[in-house]
Structures are given as C-alpha cells and as structure tokens.
Amino acid sequence: MRTLSRAAILATIALALAACSTGGSGADADSLTINDTWVKAAESGMTAAFGVVTNDSDHDITIVGASSDAATMVELHEVVDAVMQQVDGGLTIPAGGELTLQPGGFHLMFMGIPAPLMAGDEVSVTLELEDGSTLPFTAVVKDFTGADEEYAGDMDMDHESMEGMDMSASPSPSAMEGMDD
C-alpha cells in the first residue's frame, strides 16, 4: 500500500511537470506572440529565420533554443560589427516589450539544411523558452539579398556552406512583399 501511494504521488508530480513544460496554463509561451515571420531562401548550407516576438507578460521571457525540421541545427545568433556569432544566455524579450529578429541583428540561424528552401515554401519552427515551454510557428520562405558577414562561431564551417549567406539589415523589395500580412 505504501509503495502504491508513493507511485501515485510520483505520477501526479510527473503529470504536473509535463503540463508546465508543454505550454500549459501560466507557461511563458502563453504570453508570447510572433509575427512577420520569414526565412531566407537557400539551396544548401545555412540560412536564417526572422520575425517579431512580443511579450504580453509582466516579466522578461528568455528564448534559450529553437528547432526546425528544415535544419539539422538551429542556433540563436546576432550580428555585431558585420560578424555573425552565437548568442550566449539566450534572447530576452522584455516584459511588455518585443524582440525583433532581423537581418543584421538577432536571428535564428539554420545550419545543415537537408533540402533547398525555395521562395513560397513554409517552414515550421519551435522556440524553446527558459521555463521549458515552447512556441511553435510557421514562417514563409522569401528571396533576400544583402551584405555578407563573417561567421565567428566555433563550428568548422567551410566557405561553400557560407556562400550566399547574406544578413544585412536591408532586405530586398521582394523579401518585404507580404510582410504585413
């Protein structure tokens, strides 16, 4: 009987923890919205995802990771002095504020693209938050041209995988089409 009670208590705790980690009531993901999402078209190597994340809560919320079937790995990146680098500690969306993921600034770096991402395709992405909740969204793939940055990560990236990775702050007119939809 005593073993059964412990098992019941452990099962209840496990279910409660699972509810909290999947965007359940009160989870940070419930306080976030993401709009104007898009991914830069690319045939291979790397690309990036962008958008505006809004925090409607009364506390800061931190994105600690991201994933997508469109890449073998997704990292949180920023561009500083025309050098792209991984962000340590996550991306924080201030209470009642927003964080813009944009070319030339913070973005989600898609590495190891298994198949070409062509303009018009849709990509599923999931943001992972510090509290364990997640925020899934879909982004449309768009053509984009800009200036090349250097990559300052510790990954062994060859020049071919970086070719065409344009991340300047000025998207082409075709990249802006439909952004307000």
N, C-alpha and C. Protein backbone atom coordinates (compact mmCIF):
# COMPACT_ATOMS: atom_id res chain seq x y z
N MET A 1 0.83 -1.19 0.00
CA MET A 1 0.00 0.00 0.00
C MET A 1 0.88 1.26 0.00
N ARG A 2 1.93 1.23 0.82
CA ARG A 2 2.83 2.38 0.91
C ARG A 2 3.52 2.64 -0.43
N THR A 3 3.95 1.56 -1.12
CA THR A 3 4.58 1.69 -2.42
C THR A 3 3.61 2.27 -3.44
N LEU A 4 2.36 1.85 -3.38
CA LEU A 4 1.35 2.36 -4.30
C LEU A 4 1.14 3.86 -4.08
N SER A 5 1.12 4.31 -2.84
CA SER A 5 0.95 5.74 -2.55
C SER A 5 2.10 6.56 -3.10
N ARG A 6 3.32 6.08 -2.91
CA ARG A 6 4.48 6.79 -3.45
C ARG A 6 4.41 6.84 -4.97
N ALA A 7 4.03 5.75 -5.59
CA ALA A 7 3.92 5.70 -7.05
C ALA A 7 2.86 6.68 -7.53
N ALA A 8 1.75 6.76 -6.83
CA ALA A 8 0.68 7.68 -7.21
C ALA A 8 1.14 9.13 -7.08
N ILE A 9 1.86 9.43 -6.00
CA ILE A 9 2.37 10.79 -5.80
C ILE A 9 3.38 11.15 -6.89
N LEU A 10 4.29 10.24 -7.19
CA LEU A 10 5.29 10.49 -8.24
C LEU A 10 4.62 10.67 -9.59
N ALA A 11 3.61 9.88 -9.89
CA ALA A 11 2.89 10.00 -11.16
C ALA A 11 2.20 11.35 -11.26
N THR A 12 1.59 11.81 -10.16
CA THR A 12 0.92 13.10 -10.15
C THR A 12 1.92 14.23 -10.37
N ILE A 13 3.07 14.16 -9.71
CA ILE A 13 4.11 15.18 -9.89
C ILE A 13 4.61 15.17 -11.33
N ALA A 14 4.82 14.01 -11.90
CA ALA A 14 5.30 13.91 -13.28
C ALA A 14 4.30 14.52 -14.25
N LEU A 15 3.01 14.26 -14.05
CA LEU A 15 1.99 14.84 -14.92
C LEU A 15 1.95 16.36 -14.78
N ALA A 16 2.08 16.86 -13.57
CA ALA A 16 2.07 18.31 -13.35
C ALA A 16 3.26 18.96 -14.04
N LEU A 17 4.44 18.35 -13.93
CA LEU A 17 5.63 18.89 -14.60
C LEU A 17 5.48 18.85 -16.11
N ALA A 18 4.92 17.78 -16.63
CA ALA A 18 4.72 17.67 -18.08
C ALA A 18 3.78 18.76 -18.57
N ALA A 19 2.72 19.06 -17.83
CA ALA A 19 1.78 20.10 -18.23
C ALA A 19 2.47 21.46 -18.28
N CYS A 20 3.35 21.72 -17.33
CA CYS A 20 4.06 23.00 -17.31
C CYS A 20 5.04 23.13 -18.46
N SER A 21 5.61 22.05 -18.92
CA SER A 21 6.65 22.14 -19.94
C SER A 21 6.11 22.11 -21.36
N THR A 22 4.82 21.99 -21.55
CA THR A 22 4.28 21.94 -22.90
C THR A 22 3.39 23.13 -23.21
N GLY A 23 3.60 24.23 -22.56
CA GLY A 23 2.82 25.42 -22.86
C GLY A 23 1.51 25.43 -22.10
N GLY A 24 1.43 24.73 -21.00
CA GLY A 24 0.22 24.70 -20.19
C GLY A 24 -0.07 26.06 -19.61
N SER A 25 -1.22 26.19 -18.94
CA SER A 25 -1.65 27.45 -18.36
C SER A 25 -0.56 28.07 -17.50
N GLY A 26 -0.29 29.34 -17.70
CA GLY A 26 0.71 30.03 -16.93
C GLY A 26 2.11 29.94 -17.51
N ALA A 27 2.34 29.12 -18.53
CA ALA A 27 3.66 28.98 -19.13
C ALA A 27 4.01 30.24 -19.91
N ASP A 28 5.32 30.53 -19.97
CA ASP A 28 5.78 31.72 -20.68
C ASP A 28 5.31 31.76 -22.14
N ALA A 29 5.21 30.60 -22.78
CA ALA A 29 4.78 30.57 -24.18
C ALA A 29 3.39 31.17 -24.37
N ASP A 30 2.56 31.08 -23.34
CA ASP A 30 1.21 31.64 -23.42
C ASP A 30 1.22 33.17 -23.50
N SER A 31 2.32 33.79 -23.10
CA SER A 31 2.43 35.25 -23.09
C SER A 31 3.12 35.81 -24.32
N LEU A 32 3.59 34.93 -25.21
CA LEU A 32 4.32 35.38 -26.40
C LEU A 32 3.50 35.21 -27.67
N THR A 33 3.70 36.15 -28.59
CA THR A 33 3.21 36.00 -29.96
C THR A 33 4.38 36.31 -30.88
N ILE A 34 4.34 35.73 -32.07
CA ILE A 34 5.38 36.02 -33.05
C ILE A 34 4.70 36.33 -34.38
N ASN A 35 5.11 37.45 -35.00
CA ASN A 35 4.51 37.93 -36.24
C ASN A 35 5.59 38.25 -37.26
N ASP A 36 5.16 38.50 -38.49
CA ASP A 36 6.06 38.89 -39.58
C ASP A 36 7.20 37.90 -39.75
N THR A 37 6.89 36.61 -39.65
CA THR A 37 7.92 35.57 -39.72
C THR A 37 8.28 35.25 -41.16
N TRP A 38 9.58 35.03 -41.39
CA TRP A 38 10.05 34.61 -42.70
C TRP A 38 11.43 33.98 -42.56
N VAL A 39 11.78 33.20 -43.58
CA VAL A 39 13.08 32.52 -43.65
C VAL A 39 13.71 32.88 -44.99
N LYS A 40 15.00 33.13 -45.00
CA LYS A 40 15.72 33.44 -46.24
C LYS A 40 15.84 32.19 -47.09
N ALA A 41 15.48 32.29 -48.35
CA ALA A 41 15.62 31.17 -49.29
C ALA A 41 17.09 30.77 -49.41
N ALA A 42 17.34 29.47 -49.49
CA ALA A 42 18.70 28.95 -49.64
C ALA A 42 18.63 27.56 -50.23
N GLU A 43 19.62 27.22 -51.04
CA GLU A 43 19.65 25.90 -51.64
C GLU A 43 20.39 24.89 -50.78
N SER A 44 21.35 25.35 -49.97
CA SER A 44 22.12 24.45 -49.12
C SER A 44 22.83 25.26 -48.05
N GLY A 45 23.53 24.57 -47.17
CA GLY A 45 24.35 25.25 -46.16
C GLY A 45 23.54 25.81 -45.02
N MET A 46 23.49 27.14 -44.95
CA MET A 46 22.85 27.81 -43.83
C MET A 46 21.89 28.88 -44.33
N THR A 47 20.96 29.24 -43.45
CA THR A 47 20.06 30.36 -43.69
C THR A 47 19.58 30.85 -42.35
N ALA A 48 18.60 31.75 -42.32
CA ALA A 48 18.13 32.28 -41.04
C ALA A 48 16.64 32.57 -41.08
N ALA A 49 16.04 32.60 -39.88
CA ALA A 49 14.63 32.93 -39.72
C ALA A 49 14.51 34.23 -38.94
N PHE A 50 13.44 34.97 -39.24
CA PHE A 50 13.24 36.30 -38.68
C PHE A 50 11.79 36.49 -38.28
N GLY A 51 11.52 37.53 -37.50
CA GLY A 51 10.16 37.87 -37.09
C GLY A 51 10.21 38.81 -35.90
N VAL A 52 9.03 39.11 -35.37
CA VAL A 52 8.92 39.99 -34.21
C VAL A 52 8.21 39.21 -33.10
N VAL A 53 8.91 39.03 -31.96
CA VAL A 53 8.36 38.30 -30.82
C VAL A 53 7.89 39.33 -29.79
N THR A 54 6.61 39.24 -29.40
CA THR A 54 6.03 40.18 -28.45
C THR A 54 5.70 39.47 -27.14
N ASN A 55 6.06 40.10 -26.04
CA ASN A 55 5.85 39.57 -24.70
C ASN A 55 4.75 40.38 -24.01
N ASP A 56 3.59 39.77 -23.78
CA ASP A 56 2.47 40.45 -23.13
C ASP A 56 2.46 40.27 -21.61
N SER A 57 3.50 39.66 -21.05
CA SER A 57 3.52 39.40 -19.62
C SER A 57 4.16 40.55 -18.85
N ASP A 58 4.18 40.41 -17.52
CA ASP A 58 4.79 41.42 -16.66
C ASP A 58 6.20 41.03 -16.24
N HIS A 59 6.79 40.04 -16.93
CA HIS A 59 8.16 39.63 -16.63
C HIS A 59 8.91 39.31 -17.93
N ASP A 60 10.24 39.44 -17.88
CA ASP A 60 11.07 39.11 -19.04
C ASP A 60 10.94 37.62 -19.34
N ILE A 61 11.00 37.27 -20.62
CA ILE A 61 10.96 35.87 -21.06
C ILE A 61 12.17 35.64 -21.96
N THR A 62 12.86 34.52 -21.74
CA THR A 62 14.08 34.24 -22.49
C THR A 62 13.92 33.03 -23.40
N ILE A 63 14.27 33.23 -24.68
CA ILE A 63 14.34 32.12 -25.64
C ILE A 63 15.72 31.49 -25.46
N VAL A 64 15.75 30.20 -25.18
CA VAL A 64 17.04 29.52 -24.94
C VAL A 64 17.44 28.59 -26.08
N GLY A 65 16.53 28.36 -27.02
CA GLY A 65 16.85 27.49 -28.14
C GLY A 65 15.74 27.51 -29.17
N ALA A 66 15.98 26.81 -30.26
CA ALA A 66 14.99 26.69 -31.33
C ALA A 66 15.28 25.42 -32.12
N SER A 67 14.27 24.94 -32.81
CA SER A 67 14.45 23.76 -33.66
C SER A 67 13.54 23.88 -34.87
N SER A 68 13.90 23.13 -35.92
CA SER A 68 13.11 23.09 -37.15
C SER A 68 13.51 21.86 -37.94
N ASP A 69 12.53 21.26 -38.61
CA ASP A 69 12.83 20.14 -39.50
C ASP A 69 13.59 20.61 -40.74
N ALA A 70 13.64 21.93 -40.97
CA ALA A 70 14.31 22.48 -42.14
C ALA A 70 15.82 22.62 -41.95
N ALA A 71 16.34 22.23 -40.76
CA ALA A 71 17.77 22.32 -40.48
C ALA A 71 18.17 21.25 -39.48
N THR A 72 19.41 20.80 -39.59
CA THR A 72 19.89 19.81 -38.62
C THR A 72 20.16 20.45 -37.27
N MET A 73 20.40 21.78 -37.27
CA MET A 73 20.65 22.51 -36.03
C MET A 73 20.18 23.96 -36.21
N VAL A 74 19.57 24.51 -35.15
CA VAL A 74 19.18 25.92 -35.15
C VAL A 74 19.83 26.57 -33.94
N GLU A 75 20.54 27.68 -34.17
CA GLU A 75 21.21 28.40 -33.09
C GLU A 75 20.65 29.82 -33.02
N LEU A 76 20.75 30.42 -31.83
CA LEU A 76 20.39 31.82 -31.61
C LEU A 76 21.63 32.63 -31.96
N HIS A 77 21.49 33.57 -32.89
CA HIS A 77 22.63 34.35 -33.37
C HIS A 77 22.36 35.84 -33.32
N GLU A 78 23.45 36.59 -33.41
CA GLU A 78 23.41 38.04 -33.55
C GLU A 78 24.54 38.45 -34.49
N VAL A 79 24.39 39.63 -35.06
CA VAL A 79 25.45 40.20 -35.89
C VAL A 79 25.98 41.42 -35.15
N VAL A 80 27.30 41.42 -34.90
CA VAL A 80 27.97 42.53 -34.24
C VAL A 80 29.15 42.94 -35.11
N ASP A 81 29.17 44.19 -35.55
CA ASP A 81 30.23 44.70 -36.41
C ASP A 81 30.44 43.81 -37.62
N ALA A 82 29.34 43.45 -38.29
CA ALA A 82 29.33 42.63 -39.51
C ALA A 82 29.86 41.22 -39.29
N VAL A 83 29.92 40.77 -38.02
CA VAL A 83 30.34 39.41 -37.72
C VAL A 83 29.19 38.69 -37.04
N MET A 84 28.81 37.56 -37.62
CA MET A 84 27.72 36.75 -37.08
C MET A 84 28.28 35.83 -36.01
N GLN A 85 27.58 35.77 -34.84
CA GLN A 85 28.06 34.92 -33.76
C GLN A 85 26.88 34.35 -32.97
N GLN A 86 27.12 33.24 -32.31
CA GLN A 86 26.11 32.62 -31.47
C GLN A 86 25.91 33.47 -30.22
N VAL A 87 24.66 33.55 -29.74
CA VAL A 87 24.32 34.32 -28.55
C VAL A 87 24.42 33.41 -27.33
N ASP A 88 25.15 33.86 -26.32
CA ASP A 88 25.23 33.12 -25.06
C ASP A 88 24.11 33.58 -24.13
N GLY A 89 23.46 32.65 -23.45
CA GLY A 89 22.46 33.01 -22.45
C GLY A 89 21.06 33.23 -22.99
N GLY A 90 20.85 33.11 -24.28
CA GLY A 90 19.52 33.24 -24.84
C GLY A 90 19.17 34.65 -25.27
N LEU A 91 17.98 34.76 -25.85
CA LEU A 91 17.45 36.05 -26.30
C LEU A 91 16.30 36.43 -25.38
N THR A 92 16.39 37.59 -24.75
CA THR A 92 15.38 38.01 -23.79
C THR A 92 14.41 38.99 -24.41
N ILE A 93 13.11 38.69 -24.22
CA ILE A 93 12.05 39.59 -24.64
C ILE A 93 11.59 40.31 -23.38
N PRO A 94 11.74 41.64 -23.33
CA PRO A 94 11.40 42.36 -22.09
C PRO A 94 9.91 42.31 -21.78
N ALA A 95 9.59 42.40 -20.51
CA ALA A 95 8.19 42.44 -20.07
C ALA A 95 7.45 43.55 -20.81
N GLY A 96 6.31 43.22 -21.41
CA GLY A 96 5.52 44.21 -22.13
C GLY A 96 6.19 44.75 -23.38
N GLY A 97 7.25 44.10 -23.84
CA GLY A 97 8.00 44.60 -24.99
C GLY A 97 8.10 43.59 -26.10
N GLU A 98 9.04 43.82 -27.00
CA GLU A 98 9.23 42.92 -28.13
C GLU A 98 10.70 42.79 -28.48
N LEU A 99 10.98 41.74 -29.20
CA LEU A 99 12.32 41.47 -29.72
C LEU A 99 12.18 41.25 -31.22
N THR A 100 12.94 42.01 -31.99
CA THR A 100 12.89 41.86 -33.44
C THR A 100 14.05 40.97 -33.89
N LEU A 101 13.70 39.90 -34.57
CA LEU A 101 14.68 39.02 -35.21
C LEU A 101 14.78 39.52 -36.64
N GLN A 102 15.96 40.03 -37.03
CA GLN A 102 16.08 40.68 -38.33
C GLN A 102 17.47 40.49 -38.91
N PRO A 103 17.57 40.61 -40.24
CA PRO A 103 18.89 40.58 -40.87
C PRO A 103 19.77 41.68 -40.29
N GLY A 104 21.01 41.35 -39.98
CA GLY A 104 21.92 42.33 -39.42
C GLY A 104 21.80 42.47 -37.91
N GLY A 105 20.95 41.66 -37.27
CA GLY A 105 20.75 41.72 -35.83
C GLY A 105 20.56 40.33 -35.26
N PHE A 106 19.66 40.19 -34.29
CA PHE A 106 19.34 38.87 -33.74
C PHE A 106 18.57 38.07 -34.77
N HIS A 107 18.82 36.75 -34.82
CA HIS A 107 18.10 35.88 -35.75
C HIS A 107 18.26 34.43 -35.32
N LEU A 108 17.48 33.56 -35.94
CA LEU A 108 17.59 32.12 -35.73
C LEU A 108 18.39 31.56 -36.88
N MET A 109 19.57 31.03 -36.60
CA MET A 109 20.47 30.52 -37.64
C MET A 109 20.19 29.05 -37.91
N PHE A 110 19.78 28.75 -39.14
CA PHE A 110 19.52 27.37 -39.58
C PHE A 110 20.81 26.83 -40.17
N MET A 111 21.31 25.75 -39.62
CA MET A 111 22.56 25.15 -40.08
C MET A 111 22.29 23.73 -40.56
N GLY A 112 22.97 23.34 -41.64
CA GLY A 112 22.80 21.99 -42.16
C GLY A 112 21.43 21.80 -42.78
N ILE A 113 21.10 22.60 -43.78
CA ILE A 113 19.80 22.48 -44.45
C ILE A 113 19.79 21.20 -45.27
N PRO A 114 18.87 20.25 -44.96
CA PRO A 114 18.87 18.97 -45.68
C PRO A 114 18.28 19.05 -47.09
N ALA A 115 17.49 20.09 -47.37
CA ALA A 115 16.86 20.25 -48.69
C ALA A 115 16.74 21.75 -48.98
N PRO A 116 16.73 22.12 -50.26
CA PRO A 116 16.59 23.54 -50.60
C PRO A 116 15.32 24.15 -50.00
N LEU A 117 15.43 25.40 -49.58
CA LEU A 117 14.29 26.17 -49.11
C LEU A 117 14.02 27.23 -50.17
N MET A 118 12.93 27.05 -50.89
CA MET A 118 12.61 27.90 -52.02
C MET A 118 11.53 28.91 -51.65
N ALA A 119 11.60 30.11 -52.26
CA ALA A 119 10.59 31.15 -52.02
C ALA A 119 9.20 30.56 -52.17
N GLY A 120 8.35 30.84 -51.18
CA GLY A 120 6.99 30.33 -51.18
C GLY A 120 6.81 29.11 -50.28
N ASP A 121 7.89 28.39 -49.98
CA ASP A 121 7.80 27.25 -49.06
C ASP A 121 7.40 27.76 -47.67
N GLU A 122 6.87 26.86 -46.85
CA GLU A 122 6.60 27.19 -45.45
C GLU A 122 7.46 26.30 -44.57
N VAL A 123 7.98 26.88 -43.49
CA VAL A 123 8.88 26.18 -42.59
C VAL A 123 8.29 26.23 -41.18
N SER A 124 8.26 25.09 -40.51
CA SER A 124 7.83 25.03 -39.11
C SER A 124 9.04 25.21 -38.21
N VAL A 125 8.88 26.06 -37.20
CA VAL A 125 9.94 26.37 -36.25
C VAL A 125 9.35 26.31 -34.85
N THR A 126 10.14 25.89 -33.88
CA THR A 126 9.70 25.89 -32.49
C THR A 126 10.73 26.61 -31.63
N LEU A 127 10.27 27.63 -30.92
CA LEU A 127 11.12 28.33 -29.96
C LEU A 127 11.05 27.59 -28.63
N GLU A 128 12.20 27.44 -27.97
CA GLU A 128 12.28 26.79 -26.66
C GLU A 128 12.57 27.87 -25.63
N LEU A 129 11.72 27.95 -24.60
CA LEU A 129 11.82 29.01 -23.61
C LEU A 129 12.45 28.52 -22.32
N GLU A 130 12.97 29.46 -21.55
CA GLU A 130 13.69 29.13 -20.32
C GLU A 130 12.85 28.32 -19.34
N ASP A 131 11.53 28.54 -19.31
CA ASP A 131 10.68 27.81 -18.36
C ASP A 131 10.32 26.41 -18.85
N GLY A 132 10.83 26.02 -20.03
CA GLY A 132 10.56 24.69 -20.57
C GLY A 132 9.39 24.65 -21.53
N SER A 133 8.63 25.74 -21.65
CA SER A 133 7.52 25.75 -22.60
C SER A 133 8.06 26.04 -24.00
N THR A 134 7.24 25.81 -25.00
CA THR A 134 7.65 26.00 -26.38
C THR A 134 6.62 26.84 -27.13
N LEU A 135 7.09 27.52 -28.17
CA LEU A 135 6.22 28.34 -29.01
C LEU A 135 6.45 27.95 -30.47
N PRO A 136 5.54 27.14 -31.04
CA PRO A 136 5.69 26.77 -32.45
C PRO A 136 5.13 27.87 -33.36
N PHE A 137 5.74 28.02 -34.53
CA PHE A 137 5.21 28.96 -35.53
C PHE A 137 5.62 28.49 -36.91
N THR A 138 4.97 29.06 -37.91
CA THR A 138 5.28 28.76 -39.31
C THR A 138 5.76 30.04 -39.97
N ALA A 139 6.81 29.92 -40.79
CA ALA A 139 7.37 31.07 -41.49
C ALA A 139 7.43 30.76 -42.98
N VAL A 140 7.16 31.76 -43.78
CA VAL A 140 7.23 31.62 -45.23
C VAL A 140 8.67 31.89 -45.68
N VAL A 141 9.13 31.16 -46.68
CA VAL A 141 10.47 31.35 -47.24
C VAL A 141 10.39 32.46 -48.29
N LYS A 142 11.35 33.40 -48.22
CA LYS A 142 11.38 34.54 -49.15
C LYS A 142 12.78 34.72 -49.71
N ASP A 143 12.84 35.27 -50.93
CA ASP A 143 14.12 35.66 -51.51
C ASP A 143 14.64 36.87 -50.73
N PHE A 144 15.97 36.96 -50.60
CA PHE A 144 16.58 38.05 -49.86
C PHE A 144 18.00 38.24 -50.35
N THR A 145 18.42 39.50 -50.51
CA THR A 145 19.80 39.79 -50.84
C THR A 145 20.32 40.82 -49.85
N GLY A 146 21.61 40.78 -49.58
CA GLY A 146 22.21 41.72 -48.63
C GLY A 146 23.71 41.58 -48.62
N ALA A 147 24.34 42.12 -47.59
CA ALA A 147 25.80 42.07 -47.48
C ALA A 147 26.24 40.82 -46.73
N ASP A 148 27.39 40.29 -47.07
CA ASP A 148 27.93 39.10 -46.41
C ASP A 148 28.56 39.48 -45.07
N GLU A 149 28.32 38.66 -44.06
CA GLU A 149 29.01 38.79 -42.79
C GLU A 149 29.95 37.61 -42.65
N GLU A 150 30.89 37.75 -41.76
CA GLU A 150 31.75 36.63 -41.42
C GLU A 150 31.11 35.87 -40.28
N TYR A 151 31.40 34.59 -40.17
CA TYR A 151 30.87 33.76 -39.11
C TYR A 151 31.92 33.59 -38.03
N ALA A 152 31.57 33.91 -36.77
CA ALA A 152 32.53 33.85 -35.67
C ALA A 152 32.24 32.71 -34.73
N GLY A 153 31.58 31.65 -35.21
CA GLY A 153 31.26 30.52 -34.35
C GLY A 153 32.43 29.58 -34.24
N ASP A 154 32.29 28.59 -33.36
CA ASP A 154 33.36 27.62 -33.20
C ASP A 154 33.12 26.37 -34.04
N MET A 155 32.07 26.39 -34.87
CA MET A 155 31.82 25.26 -35.76
C MET A 155 32.81 25.29 -36.91
N ASP A 156 33.14 24.16 -37.42
CA ASP A 156 34.04 24.06 -38.56
C ASP A 156 33.20 24.21 -39.83
N MET A 157 32.98 25.45 -40.26
CA MET A 157 32.15 25.73 -41.43
C MET A 157 33.06 26.00 -42.61
N ASP A 158 32.84 25.31 -43.71
CA ASP A 158 33.64 25.58 -44.89
C ASP A 158 33.06 26.75 -45.66
N HIS A 159 33.83 27.33 -46.54
CA HIS A 159 33.41 28.51 -47.29
C HIS A 159 32.16 28.22 -48.11
N GLU A 160 32.04 27.02 -48.67
CA GLU A 160 30.89 26.69 -49.51
C GLU A 160 29.58 26.76 -48.71
N SER A 161 29.59 26.35 -47.44
CA SER A 161 28.36 26.39 -46.65
C SER A 161 27.97 27.82 -46.29
N MET A 162 28.91 28.75 -46.32
CA MET A 162 28.64 30.16 -46.02
C MET A 162 28.26 30.94 -47.27
N GLU A 163 28.54 30.38 -48.44
CA GLU A 163 28.31 31.09 -49.69
C GLU A 163 26.85 31.51 -49.80
N GLY A 164 26.62 32.79 -50.09
CA GLY A 164 25.28 33.31 -50.27
C GLY A 164 24.56 33.63 -48.98
N MET A 165 25.20 33.51 -47.83
CA MET A 165 24.55 33.80 -46.56
C MET A 165 24.59 35.29 -46.32
N ASP A 166 23.59 35.98 -46.82
CA ASP A 166 23.51 37.43 -46.73
C ASP A 166 22.62 37.81 -45.55
N MET A 167 23.12 38.69 -44.67
CA MET A 167 22.38 39.02 -43.46
C MET A 167 22.37 40.51 -43.18
N SER A 168 22.42 41.35 -44.20
CA SER A 168 22.43 42.78 -43.93
C SER A 168 21.06 43.23 -43.45
N ALA A 169 20.99 44.46 -42.97
CA ALA A 169 19.75 44.98 -42.41
C ALA A 169 18.79 45.49 -43.47
N SER A 170 19.12 45.43 -44.75
CA SER A 170 18.26 45.97 -45.80
C SER A 170 17.74 44.87 -46.71
N PRO A 171 16.54 44.33 -46.43
CA PRO A 171 16.01 43.29 -47.30
C PRO A 171 15.63 43.86 -48.65
N SER A 172 15.66 43.00 -49.65
CA SER A 172 15.26 43.41 -50.99
C SER A 172 13.76 43.66 -51.00
N PRO A 173 13.25 44.40 -51.98
CA PRO A 173 11.80 44.64 -52.07
C PRO A 173 11.02 43.32 -52.12
N SER A 174 11.54 42.30 -52.81
CA SER A 174 10.80 41.04 -52.88
C SER A 174 10.74 40.35 -51.54
N ALA A 175 11.72 40.55 -50.67
CA ALA A 175 11.70 39.95 -49.34
C ALA A 175 10.65 40.62 -48.46
N MET A 176 10.33 41.87 -48.75
CA MET A 176 9.36 42.61 -47.95
C MET A 176 7.92 42.35 -48.38
N GLU A 177 7.72 41.81 -49.59
CA GLU A 177 6.35 41.57 -50.06
C GLU A 177 5.63 40.65 -49.11
N GLY A 178 4.43 41.03 -48.73
CA GLY A 178 3.61 40.21 -47.87
C GLY A 178 4.03 40.22 -46.41
N MET A 179 4.98 41.04 -46.02
CA MET A 179 5.45 41.06 -44.63
C MET A 179 4.36 41.55 -43.68
N ASP A 180 3.42 42.36 -44.14
CA ASP A 180 2.39 42.89 -43.26
C ASP A 180 1.15 42.03 -43.25
N ASP A 181 1.21 40.89 -43.91
CA ASP A 181 0.03 40.01 -43.97
C ASP A 181 -0.24 39.36 -42.65
